[in-house]
Amino acid sequence: ILIVVDGYRKMYEAITDLTATRLKTLVTMCDRHKVYFVSSETPESLKWLQGQEAIMKYMIANATAILMGGTFYSHNVFTSDIEYSEGMKPLGEFEAYLLSKGHAEKFKAMHEF
């Protein structure tokens, strides 16, 4: 099962407490039940959500993330083993970071034909 939310903050502001509780249960069970939860959000909204919302706190701490645009450190809620100087370099065209368990790896997010 794949669940995709484009604009997590907007969704969070629209759902009821009961729906949020159900979503948290689902997200915390994803690994065990082959459920994949994909969400997109701006760095500014991620920072706000990290301080407000339990599901996003859990995902930031435990999930695999793809960071696109800006620098690694412009995605200010994530930590990793990346060298400071590398994390300050802007990503190039079609580049992104894959972040998993505190390890960040740069990759080509798209290839132009």
Protein backbone atom coordinates (compact mmCIF):
# COMPACT_ATOMS: atom_id res chain seq x y z
CA ILE A 1 0.00 0.00 0.00
CA LEU A 2 1.32 3.43 -0.93
CA ILE A 3 -0.10 6.56 0.74
CA VAL A 4 1.05 9.88 -0.76
CA VAL A 5 0.35 13.28 0.78
CA ASP A 6 1.45 16.35 -1.17
CA GLY A 7 1.46 19.19 1.37
CA TYR A 8 1.42 17.51 4.77
CA ARG A 9 0.80 20.71 6.76
CA LYS A 10 -2.34 21.53 4.79
CA MET A 11 -3.63 18.00 5.42
CA TYR A 12 -2.71 18.18 9.11
CA GLU A 13 -4.60 21.43 9.56
CA ALA A 14 -7.71 19.92 7.91
CA ILE A 15 -8.01 16.52 9.68
CA THR A 16 -9.77 15.71 12.96
CA ASP A 17 -8.03 14.43 16.10
CA LEU A 18 -9.45 10.95 15.46
CA THR A 19 -8.02 10.90 11.92
CA ALA A 20 -4.65 12.10 13.25
CA THR A 21 -4.63 9.27 15.81
CA ARG A 22 -5.43 6.71 13.11
CA LEU A 23 -2.76 8.15 10.82
CA LYS A 24 -0.15 7.98 13.60
CA THR A 25 -1.00 4.31 14.18
CA LEU A 26 -0.71 3.59 10.47
CA VAL A 27 2.61 5.44 10.08
CA THR A 28 4.21 3.69 13.05
CA MET A 29 3.16 0.29 11.64
CA CYS A 30 4.40 0.94 8.08
CA ASP A 31 7.63 -1.04 8.28
CA ARG A 32 5.99 -4.16 9.59
CA HIS A 33 3.12 -4.25 7.11
CA LYS A 34 4.63 -3.09 3.80
CA VAL A 35 2.74 0.20 3.90
CA TYR A 36 4.65 3.15 2.47
CA PHE A 37 3.80 6.71 3.51
CA VAL A 38 5.23 9.45 1.28
CA SER A 39 4.80 13.08 2.16
CA SER A 40 6.13 16.32 0.74
CA GLU A 41 6.60 19.61 2.52
CA THR A 42 8.70 22.78 2.51
CA PRO A 43 11.57 23.13 5.00
CA GLU A 44 9.70 25.96 6.75
CA SER A 45 6.58 23.86 7.24
CA LEU A 46 8.64 20.86 8.38
CA LYS A 47 10.18 23.02 11.11
CA TRP A 48 6.72 24.19 12.23
CA LEU A 49 5.29 20.65 12.11
CA GLN A 50 8.21 19.21 14.08
CA GLY A 51 7.26 21.46 16.97
CA GLN A 52 3.51 20.81 16.70
CA GLU A 53 2.75 17.37 15.45
CA ALA A 54 3.63 13.88 16.78
CA ILE A 55 3.43 12.04 13.43
CA MET A 56 5.88 14.40 11.73
CA LYS A 57 8.25 14.21 14.73
CA TYR A 58 8.18 10.41 14.39
CA MET A 59 8.79 10.51 10.63
CA ILE A 60 11.65 13.02 10.90
CA ALA A 61 13.35 10.85 13.51
CA ASN A 62 12.73 7.42 11.93
CA ALA A 63 11.81 7.56 8.26
CA THR A 64 13.88 7.63 5.10
CA ALA A 65 13.78 11.09 3.52
CA ILE A 66 14.60 12.57 0.14
CA LEU A 67 15.77 16.17 0.37
CA MET A 68 15.60 18.23 -2.82
CA GLY A 69 16.68 21.80 -3.50
CA GLY A 70 18.84 24.19 -1.52
CA THR A 71 21.52 22.72 0.71
CA PHE A 72 21.34 19.80 3.13
CA TYR A 73 21.26 22.25 6.04
CA SER A 74 18.44 24.30 4.51
CA HIS A 75 16.29 21.26 5.40
CA ASN A 76 16.78 22.25 8.99
CA VAL A 77 15.01 19.43 10.83
CA PHE A 78 17.22 16.56 9.65
CA THR A 79 20.55 15.44 11.08
CA SER A 80 23.15 13.18 9.52
CA ASP A 81 26.78 12.18 9.34
CA ILE A 82 27.35 14.57 6.42
CA GLU A 83 30.45 16.77 6.55
CA TYR A 84 29.56 20.40 7.34
CA SER A 85 31.24 21.76 4.20
CA GLU A 86 29.34 19.26 2.01
CA GLY A 87 26.04 20.07 3.70
CA MET A 88 26.50 23.77 2.92
CA LYS A 89 26.96 23.24 -0.84
CA PRO A 90 23.84 23.90 -2.92
CA LEU A 91 22.47 20.86 -4.69
CA GLY A 92 22.95 20.90 -8.43
CA GLU A 93 20.28 20.45 -11.06
CA PHE A 94 18.48 17.10 -10.61
CA GLU A 95 20.40 16.31 -7.39
CA ALA A 96 18.96 15.25 -4.04
CA TYR A 97 19.98 13.62 -0.78
CA LEU A 98 18.69 10.26 0.37
CA LEU A 99 18.70 10.29 4.17
CA SER A 100 18.30 7.05 6.10
CA LYS A 101 19.27 6.24 9.68
CA GLY A 102 21.44 9.34 9.95
CA HIS A 103 23.37 8.72 6.73
CA ALA A 104 22.98 11.11 3.79
CA GLU A 105 23.92 10.18 0.25
CA LYS A 106 23.73 12.52 -2.76
CA PHE A 107 22.16 11.09 -5.90
CA LYS A 108 20.73 12.10 -9.27
CA ALA A 109 16.99 12.54 -8.73
CA MET A 110 16.23 12.81 -12.43
CA HIS A 111 17.96 12.27 -15.71
CA GLU A 112 17.33 14.44 -18.74
CA PHE A 113 17.17 12.58 -22.06
